[in-house]
Amino acid sequence: MERVSGPRRFRARAEGKNLLGLPDCMPVAPIIAGHPKEAAPPVPRNRSAVRWVG
């Protein structure tokens, strides 16, 4: 499983900067552009248990 720190370290190294065409600066955060092809399916949830006190 790839974590966010892996790509961040890659972009911070000279090899990654040259490959991506980045200037010589420290990247701070990834920028995600675009949108999903389709909407996410609904998440199944259990019905809430309501308990009245009093």
Protein backbone atom coordinates (compact mmCIF):
# COMPACT_ATOMS: atom_id res chain seq x y z
CA MET A 1 0.00 0.00 0.00
CA GLU A 2 1.51 3.33 -1.08
CA ARG A 3 1.33 6.17 1.41
CA VAL A 4 1.36 9.89 0.72
CA SER A 5 4.88 10.30 2.08
CA GLY A 6 6.32 8.06 -0.68
CA PRO A 7 5.34 10.32 -3.60
CA ARG A 8 6.19 13.40 -1.52
CA ARG A 9 9.74 12.15 -0.97
CA PHE A 10 10.04 11.28 -4.67
CA ARG A 11 9.00 14.81 -5.73
CA ALA A 12 11.45 16.33 -3.24
CA ARG A 13 14.46 14.46 -4.71
CA ALA A 14 16.34 15.84 -7.75
CA GLU A 15 15.44 12.71 -9.75
CA GLY A 16 11.71 13.24 -9.19
CA LYS A 17 11.88 16.97 -9.88
CA ASN A 18 13.68 16.40 -13.19
CA LEU A 19 11.24 13.67 -14.24
CA LEU A 20 8.19 15.84 -13.47
CA GLY A 21 9.76 19.07 -14.75
CA LEU A 22 9.47 20.84 -11.38
CA PRO A 23 11.59 23.89 -10.48
CA ASP A 24 14.19 23.66 -7.71
CA CYS A 25 11.85 24.28 -4.78
CA MET A 26 10.27 22.20 -2.02
CA PRO A 27 6.79 20.90 -2.90
CA VAL A 28 4.37 21.40 -0.01
CA ALA A 29 1.14 19.66 -1.05
CA PRO A 30 -0.16 17.66 -4.00
CA ILE A 31 -2.75 19.29 -6.23
CA ILE A 32 -5.47 16.94 -7.43
CA ALA A 33 -7.33 18.10 -10.52
CA GLY A 34 -10.26 16.48 -12.25
CA HIS A 35 -13.38 14.63 -11.23
CA PRO A 36 -14.48 10.99 -10.94
CA LYS A 37 -16.02 9.25 -13.96
CA GLU A 38 -19.14 8.37 -11.96
CA ALA A 39 -20.67 9.04 -8.57
CA ALA A 40 -19.57 6.89 -5.63
CA PRO A 41 -22.07 4.21 -4.57
CA PRO A 42 -23.97 4.82 -1.32
CA VAL A 43 -22.34 3.46 1.83
CA PRO A 44 -24.44 0.86 3.68
CA ARG A 45 -25.24 1.97 7.23
CA ASN A 46 -26.97 0.35 10.19
CA ARG A 47 -30.15 1.94 11.48
CA SER A 48 -29.56 4.06 14.61
CA ALA A 49 -30.81 2.73 17.94
CA VAL A 50 -32.77 5.43 19.80
CA ARG A 51 -33.25 4.94 23.54
CA TRP A 52 -35.49 7.34 25.43
CA VAL A 53 -34.59 8.07 29.04
CA GLY A 54 -37.08 9.45 31.50
